[in-house]
Amino acid sequence: MSLPLIIGGLWVMAAAMTAMLPMRAQMGPGIALLIAAPILLVWIGLTDGWPWLAFGCFALASMFRNPLLYFARRVFGYRSPAPRKAAP
């Protein structure tokens, strides 16, 4: 197993731990993970090939689907729906 895949696994663990934080505490680590993801994916793609890169892209899209949809809507000029309130 290569170093980029090991670091990718650690990235996934960090994302899972960030998801367990309260919502107000997720912003900082989540942004850091979102910024680090493309760099890590390029590194994985260069060293291990496109199948691992595709797997990483699917994992990224799965974990960050809501922020990615929000930013895509903003880029294309669509209004983003208001966040739903959690049930008490």
PDB file of N, CA and C in Angstrom:
ATOM      1  N   MET A   1       0.850  -1.170   0.000  1.00  0.00           N
ATOM      2  CA  MET A   1       0.000   0.000   0.000  1.00  0.00           C
ATOM      3  C   MET A   1       0.897   1.236   0.000  1.00  0.00           C
ATOM      4  N   SER A   2       0.523   2.215  -0.796  1.00  0.00           N
ATOM      5  CA  SER A   2       1.358   3.406  -0.953  1.00  0.00           C
ATOM      6  C   SER A   2       1.015   4.470   0.090  1.00  0.00           C
ATOM      7  N   LEU A   3       1.944   5.386   0.266  1.00  0.00           N
ATOM      8  CA  LEU A   3       1.765   6.471   1.229  1.00  0.00           C
ATOM      9  C   LEU A   3       0.525   7.320   0.933  1.00  0.00           C
ATOM     10  N   PRO A   4       0.245   7.691  -0.329  1.00  0.00           N
ATOM     11  CA  PRO A   4      -0.972   8.491  -0.575  1.00  0.00           C
ATOM     12  C   PRO A   4      -2.254   7.765  -0.169  1.00  0.00           C
ATOM     13  N   LEU A   5      -2.316   6.453  -0.345  1.00  0.00           N
ATOM     14  CA  LEU A   5      -3.521   5.720   0.063  1.00  0.00           C
ATOM     15  C   LEU A   5      -3.649   5.658   1.579  1.00  0.00           C
ATOM     16  N   ILE A   6      -2.526   5.551   2.278  1.00  0.00           N
ATOM     17  CA  ILE A   6      -2.567   5.562   3.741  1.00  0.00           C
ATOM     18  C   ILE A   6      -3.047   6.928   4.237  1.00  0.00           C
ATOM     19  N   ILE A   7      -2.507   7.995   3.657  1.00  0.00           N
ATOM     20  CA  ILE A   7      -2.939   9.335   4.042  1.00  0.00           C
ATOM     21  C   ILE A   7      -4.404   9.552   3.662  1.00  0.00           C
ATOM     22  N   GLY A   8      -4.836   8.981   2.535  1.00  0.00           N
ATOM     23  CA  GLY A   8      -6.243   9.050   2.156  1.00  0.00           C
ATOM     24  C   GLY A   8      -7.135   8.361   3.181  1.00  0.00           C
ATOM     25  N   GLY A   9      -6.696   7.224   3.700  1.00  0.00           N
ATOM     26  CA  GLY A   9      -7.450   6.545   4.751  1.00  0.00           C
ATOM     27  C   GLY A   9      -7.522   7.380   6.019  1.00  0.00           C
ATOM     28  N   LEU A  10      -6.414   8.048   6.350  1.00  0.00           N
ATOM     29  CA  LEU A  10      -6.415   8.943   7.511  1.00  0.00           C
ATOM     30  C   LEU A  10      -7.337  10.134   7.281  1.00  0.00           C
ATOM     31  N   TRP A  11      -7.404  10.613   6.036  1.00  0.00           N
ATOM     32  CA  TRP A  11      -8.311  11.707   5.686  1.00  0.00           C
ATOM     33  C   TRP A  11      -9.762  11.269   5.915  1.00  0.00           C
ATOM     34  N   VAL A  12     -10.079  10.044   5.518  1.00  0.00           N
ATOM     35  CA  VAL A  12     -11.435   9.520   5.714  1.00  0.00           C
ATOM     36  C   VAL A  12     -11.759   9.426   7.204  1.00  0.00           C
ATOM     37  N   MET A  13     -10.792   8.969   8.003  1.00  0.00           N
ATOM     38  CA  MET A  13     -11.014   8.887   9.448  1.00  0.00           C
ATOM     39  C   MET A  13     -11.225  10.280  10.044  1.00  0.00           C
ATOM     40  N   ALA A  14     -10.446  11.258   9.581  1.00  0.00           N
ATOM     41  CA  ALA A  14     -10.613  12.633  10.069  1.00  0.00           C
ATOM     42  C   ALA A  14     -11.982  13.181   9.663  1.00  0.00           C
ATOM     43  N   ALA A  15     -12.439  12.849   8.463  1.00  0.00           N
ATOM     44  CA  ALA A  15     -13.767  13.301   8.025  1.00  0.00           C
ATOM     45  C   ALA A  15     -14.863  12.662   8.872  1.00  0.00           C
ATOM     46  N   ALA A  16     -14.698  11.395   9.222  1.00  0.00           N
ATOM     47  CA  ALA A  16     -15.694  10.730  10.063  1.00  0.00           C
ATOM     48  C   ALA A  16     -15.713  11.336  11.463  1.00  0.00           C
ATOM     49  N   MET A  17     -14.547  11.659  12.001  1.00  0.00           N
ATOM     50  CA  MET A  17     -14.502  12.290  13.325  1.00  0.00           C
ATOM     51  C   MET A  17     -15.092  13.700  13.283  1.00  0.00           C
ATOM     52  N   THR A  18     -14.852  14.417  12.190  1.00  0.00           N
ATOM     53  CA  THR A  18     -15.429  15.754  12.040  1.00  0.00           C
ATOM     54  C   THR A  18     -16.950  15.675  11.975  1.00  0.00           C
ATOM     55  N   ALA A  19     -17.465  14.653  11.334  1.00  0.00           N
ATOM     56  CA  ALA A  19     -18.920  14.500  11.233  1.00  0.00           C
ATOM     57  C   ALA A  19     -19.561  14.238  12.594  1.00  0.00           C
ATOM     58  N   MET A  20     -18.795  13.721  13.542  1.00  0.00           N
ATOM     59  CA  MET A  20     -19.339  13.459  14.878  1.00  0.00           C
ATOM     60  C   MET A  20     -19.357  14.702  15.764  1.00  0.00           C
ATOM     61  N   LEU A  21     -18.708  15.769  15.336  1.00  0.00           N
ATOM     62  CA  LEU A  21     -18.700  17.003  16.111  1.00  0.00           C
ATOM     63  C   LEU A  21     -20.054  17.697  16.017  1.00  0.00           C
ATOM     64  N   PRO A  22     -20.370  18.562  16.970  1.00  0.00           N
ATOM     65  CA  PRO A  22     -21.588  19.364  16.827  1.00  0.00           C
ATOM     66  C   PRO A  22     -21.499  20.232  15.568  1.00  0.00           C
ATOM     67  N   MET A  23     -22.630  20.563  14.987  1.00  0.00           N
ATOM     68  CA  MET A  23     -22.661  21.272  13.709  1.00  0.00           C
ATOM     69  C   MET A  23     -21.845  22.564  13.734  1.00  0.00           C
ATOM     70  N   ARG A  24     -21.914  23.324  14.806  1.00  0.00           N
ATOM     71  CA  ARG A  24     -21.186  24.595  14.857  1.00  0.00           C
ATOM     72  C   ARG A  24     -19.672  24.392  14.904  1.00  0.00           C
ATOM     73  N   ALA A  25     -19.204  23.221  15.310  1.00  0.00           N
ATOM     74  CA  ALA A  25     -17.771  22.946  15.386  1.00  0.00           C
ATOM     75  C   ALA A  25     -17.245  22.249  14.132  1.00  0.00           C
ATOM     76  N   GLN A  26     -18.098  21.932  13.175  1.00  0.00           N
ATOM     77  CA  GLN A  26     -17.677  21.209  11.973  1.00  0.00           C
ATOM     78  C   GLN A  26     -17.081  22.107  10.895  1.00  0.00           C
ATOM     79  N   MET A  27     -17.360  23.404  10.944  1.00  0.00           N
ATOM     80  CA  MET A  27     -16.997  24.286   9.845  1.00  0.00           C
ATOM     81  C   MET A  27     -15.484  24.330   9.600  1.00  0.00           C
ATOM     82  N   GLY A  28     -14.701  24.600  10.612  1.00  0.00           N
ATOM     83  CA  GLY A  28     -13.252  24.723  10.437  1.00  0.00           C
ATOM     84  C   GLY A  28     -12.592  23.458   9.913  1.00  0.00           C
ATOM     85  N   PRO A  29     -12.771  22.320  10.602  1.00  0.00           N
ATOM     86  CA  PRO A  29     -12.163  21.086  10.094  1.00  0.00           C
ATOM     87  C   PRO A  29     -12.727  20.664   8.739  1.00  0.00           C
ATOM     88  N   GLY A  30     -14.021  20.920   8.519  1.00  0.00           N
ATOM     89  CA  GLY A  30     -14.629  20.544   7.241  1.00  0.00           C
ATOM     90  C   GLY A  30     -14.037  21.309   6.075  1.00  0.00           C
ATOM     91  N   ILE A  31     -13.811  22.611   6.264  1.00  0.00           N
ATOM     92  CA  ILE A  31     -13.208  23.423   5.198  1.00  0.00           C
ATOM     93  C   ILE A  31     -11.772  22.953   4.937  1.00  0.00           C
ATOM     94  N   ALA A  32     -11.035  22.659   6.010  1.00  0.00           N
ATOM     95  CA  ALA A  32      -9.659  22.171   5.839  1.00  0.00           C
ATOM     96  C   ALA A  32      -9.634  20.848   5.079  1.00  0.00           C
ATOM     97  N   LEU A  33     -10.556  19.955   5.404  1.00  0.00           N
ATOM     98  CA  LEU A  33     -10.628  18.679   4.689  1.00  0.00           C
ATOM     99  C   LEU A  33     -11.027  18.881   3.233  1.00  0.00           C
ATOM    100  N   LEU A  34     -11.953  19.801   2.989  1.00  0.00           N
ATOM    101  CA  LEU A  34     -12.399  20.061   1.619  1.00  0.00           C
ATOM    102  C   LEU A  34     -11.289  20.676   0.774  1.00  0.00           C
ATOM    103  N   ILE A  35     -10.449  21.511   1.376  1.00  0.00           N
ATOM    104  CA  ILE A  35      -9.323  22.105   0.654  1.00  0.00           C
ATOM    105  C   ILE A  35      -8.229  21.063   0.399  1.00  0.00           C
ATOM    106  N   ALA A  36      -8.002  20.175   1.360  1.00  0.00           N
ATOM    107  CA  ALA A  36      -6.949  19.171   1.219  1.00  0.00           C
ATOM    108  C   ALA A  36      -7.326  18.055   0.241  1.00  0.00           C
ATOM    109  N   ALA A  37      -8.616  17.834   0.038  1.00  0.00           N
ATOM    110  CA  ALA A  37      -9.070  16.711  -0.780  1.00  0.00           C
ATOM    111  C   ALA A  37      -8.556  16.736  -2.219  1.00  0.00           C
ATOM    112  N   PRO A  38      -8.654  17.843  -2.970  1.00  0.00           N
ATOM    113  CA  PRO A  38      -8.160  17.803  -4.352  1.00  0.00           C
ATOM    114  C   PRO A  38      -6.656  17.530  -4.442  1.00  0.00           C
ATOM    115  N   ILE A  39      -5.896  18.083  -3.503  1.00  0.00           N
ATOM    116  CA  ILE A  39      -4.450  17.846  -3.505  1.00  0.00           C
ATOM    117  C   ILE A  39      -4.170  16.362  -3.279  1.00  0.00           C
ATOM    118  N   LEU A  40      -4.850  15.788  -2.310  1.00  0.00           N
ATOM    119  CA  LEU A  40      -4.677  14.369  -2.017  1.00  0.00           C
ATOM    120  C   LEU A  40      -5.138  13.498  -3.180  1.00  0.00           C
ATOM    121  N   LEU A  41      -6.245  13.868  -3.816  1.00  0.00           N
ATOM    122  CA  LEU A  41      -6.748  13.078  -4.944  1.00  0.00           C
ATOM    123  C   LEU A  41      -5.797  13.116  -6.135  1.00  0.00           C
ATOM    124  N   VAL A  42      -5.203  14.272  -6.399  1.00  0.00           N
ATOM    125  CA  VAL A  42      -4.227  14.353  -7.498  1.00  0.00           C
ATOM    126  C   VAL A  42      -3.020  13.474  -7.189  1.00  0.00           C
ATOM    127  N   TRP A  43      -2.570  13.524  -5.944  1.00  0.00           N
ATOM    128  CA  TRP A  43      -1.426  12.710  -5.537  1.00  0.00           C
ATOM    129  C   TRP A  43      -1.742  11.215  -5.674  1.00  0.00           C
ATOM    130  N   ILE A  44      -2.934  10.823  -5.234  1.00  0.00           N
ATOM    131  CA  ILE A  44      -3.342   9.421  -5.376  1.00  0.00           C
ATOM    132  C   ILE A  44      -3.428   9.033  -6.848  1.00  0.00           C
ATOM    133  N   GLY A  45      -3.996   9.909  -7.672  1.00  0.00           N
ATOM    134  CA  GLY A  45      -4.113   9.607  -9.102  1.00  0.00           C
ATOM    135  C   GLY A  45      -2.768   9.459  -9.788  1.00  0.00           C
ATOM    136  N   LEU A  46      -1.812  10.291  -9.417  1.00  0.00           N
ATOM    137  CA  LEU A  46      -0.484  10.223 -10.042  1.00  0.00           C
ATOM    138  C   LEU A  46       0.300   8.990  -9.616  1.00  0.00           C
ATOM    139  N   THR A  47       0.149   8.572  -8.381  1.00  0.00           N
ATOM    140  CA  THR A  47       0.956   7.450  -7.902  1.00  0.00           C
ATOM    141  C   THR A  47       0.280   6.096  -8.071  1.00  0.00           C
ATOM    142  N   ASP A  48      -1.059   6.037  -7.962  1.00  0.00           N
ATOM    143  CA  ASP A  48      -1.732   4.745  -7.955  1.00  0.00           C
ATOM    144  C   ASP A  48      -2.672   4.503  -9.124  1.00  0.00           C
ATOM    145  N   GLY A  49      -2.920   5.519  -9.934  1.00  0.00           N
ATOM    146  CA  GLY A  49      -3.728   5.314 -11.129  1.00  0.00           C
ATOM    147  C   GLY A  49      -5.168   5.779 -10.986  1.00  0.00           C
ATOM    148  N   TRP A  50      -5.852   5.762 -12.129  1.00  0.00           N
ATOM    149  CA  TRP A  50      -7.197   6.328 -12.185  1.00  0.00           C
ATOM    150  C   TRP A  50      -8.257   5.542 -11.417  1.00  0.00           C
ATOM    151  N   PRO A  51      -8.151   4.190 -11.267  1.00  0.00           N
ATOM    152  CA  PRO A  51      -9.212   3.523 -10.484  1.00  0.00           C
ATOM    153  C   PRO A  51      -9.259   4.011  -9.036  1.00  0.00           C
ATOM    154  N   TRP A  52      -8.106   4.217  -8.417  1.00  0.00           N
ATOM    155  CA  TRP A  52      -8.069   4.725  -7.048  1.00  0.00           C
ATOM    156  C   TRP A  52      -8.513   6.183  -7.018  1.00  0.00           C
ATOM    157  N   LEU A  53      -8.175   6.926  -8.046  1.00  0.00           N
ATOM    158  CA  LEU A  53      -8.629   8.314  -8.134  1.00  0.00           C
ATOM    159  C   LEU A  53     -10.158   8.370  -8.231  1.00  0.00           C
ATOM    160  N   ALA A  54     -10.742   7.511  -9.056  1.00  0.00           N
ATOM    161  CA  ALA A  54     -12.206   7.470  -9.187  1.00  0.00           C
ATOM    162  C   ALA A  54     -12.863   7.086  -7.863  1.00  0.00           C
ATOM    163  N   PHE A  55     -12.299   6.101  -7.171  1.00  0.00           N
ATOM    164  CA  PHE A  55     -12.814   5.698  -5.871  1.00  0.00           C
ATOM    165  C   PHE A  55     -12.762   6.869  -4.885  1.00  0.00           C
ATOM    166  N   GLY A  56     -11.659   7.608  -4.885  1.00  0.00           N
ATOM    167  CA  GLY A  56     -11.527   8.770  -4.009  1.00  0.00           C
ATOM    168  C   GLY A  56     -12.513   9.871  -4.359  1.00  0.00           C
ATOM    169  N   CYS A  57     -12.741  10.094  -5.651  1.00  0.00           N
ATOM    170  CA  CYS A  57     -13.718  11.119  -6.071  1.00  0.00           C
ATOM    171  C   CYS A  57     -15.129  10.743  -5.642  1.00  0.00           C
ATOM    172  N   PHE A  58     -15.481   9.462  -5.761  1.00  0.00           N
ATOM    173  CA  PHE A  58     -16.801   9.022  -5.313  1.00  0.00           C
ATOM    174  C   PHE A  58     -16.938   9.182  -3.797  1.00  0.00           C
ATOM    175  N   ALA A  59     -15.877   8.863  -3.062  1.00  0.00           N
ATOM    176  CA  ALA A  59     -15.917   9.024  -1.599  1.00  0.00           C
ATOM    177  C   ALA A  59     -16.064  10.501  -1.227  1.00  0.00           C
ATOM    178  N   LEU A  60     -15.332  11.365  -1.905  1.00  0.00           N
ATOM    179  CA  LEU A  60     -15.420  12.799  -1.632  1.00  0.00           C
ATOM    180  C   LEU A  60     -16.824  13.323  -1.928  1.00  0.00           C
ATOM    181  N   ALA A  61     -17.368  12.932  -3.060  1.00  0.00           N
ATOM    182  CA  ALA A  61     -18.715  13.388  -3.423  1.00  0.00           C
ATOM    183  C   ALA A  61     -19.762  12.858  -2.454  1.00  0.00           C
ATOM    184  N   SER A  62     -19.563  11.663  -1.933  1.00  0.00           N
ATOM    185  CA  SER A  62     -20.500  11.097  -0.979  1.00  0.00           C
ATOM    186  C   SER A  62     -20.449  11.832   0.360  1.00  0.00           C
ATOM    187  N   MET A  63     -19.244  12.116   0.838  1.00  0.00           N
ATOM    188  CA  MET A  63     -19.106  12.750   2.155  1.00  0.00           C
ATOM    189  C   MET A  63     -19.460  14.230   2.147  1.00  0.00           C
ATOM    190  N   PHE A  64     -19.170  14.909   1.049  1.00  0.00           N
ATOM    191  CA  PHE A  64     -19.371  16.356   0.983  1.00  0.00           C
ATOM    192  C   PHE A  64     -20.451  16.729  -0.028  1.00  0.00           C
ATOM    193  N   ARG A  65     -21.476  15.895  -0.175  1.00  0.00           N
ATOM    194  CA  ARG A  65     -22.482  16.152  -1.203  1.00  0.00           C
ATOM    195  C   ARG A  65     -23.241  17.449  -0.964  1.00  0.00           C
ATOM    196  N   ASN A  66     -23.605  17.750   0.265  1.00  0.00           N
ATOM    197  CA  ASN A  66     -24.368  18.973   0.516  1.00  0.00           C
ATOM    198  C   ASN A  66     -23.537  20.238   0.295  1.00  0.00           C
ATOM    199  N   PRO A  67     -22.319  20.336   0.823  1.00  0.00           N
ATOM    200  CA  PRO A  67     -21.533  21.540   0.522  1.00  0.00           C
ATOM    201  C   PRO A  67     -21.202  21.672  -0.967  1.00  0.00           C
ATOM    202  N   LEU A  68     -20.929  20.552  -1.631  1.00  0.00           N
ATOM    203  CA  LEU A  68     -20.611  20.617  -3.058  1.00  0.00           C
ATOM    204  C   LEU A  68     -21.830  21.051  -3.880  1.00  0.00           C
ATOM    205  N   LEU A  69     -23.009  20.565  -3.520  1.00  0.00           N
ATOM    206  CA  LEU A  69     -24.226  21.009  -4.212  1.00  0.00           C
ATOM    207  C   LEU A  69     -24.486  22.488  -3.961  1.00  0.00           C
ATOM    208  N   TYR A  70     -24.255  22.943  -2.748  1.00  0.00           N
ATOM    209  CA  TYR A  70     -24.442  24.358  -2.427  1.00  0.00           C
ATOM    210  C   TYR A  70     -23.525  25.232  -3.283  1.00  0.00           C
ATOM    211  N   PHE A  71     -22.225  24.882  -3.324  1.00  0.00           N
ATOM    212  CA  PHE A  71     -21.287  25.686  -4.104  1.00  0.00           C
ATOM    213  C   PHE A  71     -21.568  25.600  -5.603  1.00  0.00           C
ATOM    214  N   ALA A  72     -22.004  24.443  -6.093  1.00  0.00           N
ATOM    215  CA  ALA A  72     -22.344  24.314  -7.514  1.00  0.00           C
ATOM    216  C   ALA A  72     -23.548  25.191  -7.858  1.00  0.00           C
ATOM    217  N   ARG A  73     -24.540  25.221  -6.974  1.00  0.00           N
ATOM    218  CA  ARG A  73     -25.701  26.088  -7.215  1.00  0.00           C
ATOM    219  C   ARG A  73     -25.291  27.555  -7.230  1.00  0.00           C
ATOM    220  N   ARG A  74     -24.420  27.932  -6.323  1.00  0.00           N
ATOM    221  CA  ARG A  74     -23.960  29.319  -6.265  1.00  0.00           C
ATOM    222  C   ARG A  74     -23.184  29.696  -7.525  1.00  0.00           C
ATOM    223  N   VAL A  75     -22.330  28.783  -8.006  1.00  0.00           N
ATOM    224  CA  VAL A  75     -21.534  29.063  -9.197  1.00  0.00           C
ATOM    225  C   VAL A  75     -22.424  29.234 -10.427  1.00  0.00           C
ATOM    226  N   PHE A  76     -23.454  28.401 -10.549  1.00  0.00           N
ATOM    227  CA  PHE A  76     -24.316  28.465 -11.718  1.00  0.00           C
ATOM    228  C   PHE A  76     -25.477  29.439 -11.563  1.00  0.00           C
ATOM    229  N   GLY A  77     -25.533  30.178 -10.461  1.00  0.00           N
ATOM    230  CA  GLY A  77     -26.520  31.227 -10.287  1.00  0.00           C
ATOM    231  C   GLY A  77     -27.866  30.787  -9.774  1.00  0.00           C
ATOM    232  N   TYR A  78     -27.988  29.562  -9.299  1.00  0.00           N
ATOM    233  CA  TYR A  78     -29.252  29.103  -8.734  1.00  0.00           C
ATOM    234  C   TYR A  78     -29.313  29.445  -7.260  1.00  0.00           C
ATOM    235  N   ARG A  79     -30.536  29.628  -6.769  1.00  0.00           N
ATOM    236  CA  ARG A  79     -30.707  29.867  -5.337  1.00  0.00           C
ATOM    237  C   ARG A  79     -30.604  28.544  -4.599  1.00  0.00           C
ATOM    238  N   SER A  80     -29.928  28.582  -3.488  1.00  0.00           N
ATOM    239  CA  SER A  80     -29.832  27.389  -2.657  1.00  0.00           C
ATOM    240  C   SER A  80     -30.980  27.371  -1.661  1.00  0.00           C
ATOM    241  N   PRO A  81     -31.575  26.208  -1.459  1.00  0.00           N
ATOM    242  CA  PRO A  81     -32.680  26.150  -0.490  1.00  0.00           C
ATOM    243  C   PRO A  81     -32.161  26.389   0.925  1.00  0.00           C
ATOM    244  N   ALA A  82     -33.039  26.906   1.767  1.00  0.00           N
ATOM    245  CA  ALA A  82     -32.671  27.146   3.173  1.00  0.00           C
ATOM    246  C   ALA A  82     -32.481  25.795   3.859  1.00  0.00           C
ATOM    247  N   PRO A  83     -31.527  25.721   4.779  1.00  0.00           N
ATOM    248  CA  PRO A  83     -31.311  24.451   5.489  1.00  0.00           C
ATOM    249  C   PRO A  83     -32.537  24.077   6.317  1.00  0.00           C
ATOM    250  N   ARG A  84     -32.805  22.773   6.372  1.00  0.00           N
ATOM    251  CA  ARG A  84     -33.938  22.295   7.163  1.00  0.00           C
ATOM    252  C   ARG A  84     -33.567  22.272   8.629  1.00  0.00           C
ATOM    253  N   LYS A  85     -34.548  22.546   9.461  1.00  0.00           N
ATOM    254  CA  LYS A  85     -34.340  22.512  10.904  1.00  0.00           C
ATOM    255  C   LYS A  85     -34.385  21.057  11.375  1.00  0.00           C
ATOM    256  N   ALA A  86     -33.534  20.733  12.322  1.00  0.00           N
ATOM    257  CA  ALA A  86     -33.526  19.382  12.886  1.00  0.00           C
ATOM    258  C   ALA A  86     -34.739  19.202  13.791  1.00  0.00           C
ATOM    259  N   ALA A  87     -35.230  17.997  13.843  1.00  0.00           N
ATOM    260  CA  ALA A  87     -36.374  17.686  14.707  1.00  0.00           C
ATOM    261  C   ALA A  87     -35.923  17.753  16.165  1.00  0.00           C
ATOM    262  N   PRO A  88     -36.770  18.259  17.055  1.00  0.00           N
ATOM    263  CA  PRO A  88     -36.373  18.350  18.475  1.00  0.00           C
ATOM    264  C   PRO A  88     -36.269  17.033  19.158  1.00  0.00           C
TER     265      PRO A  88
END
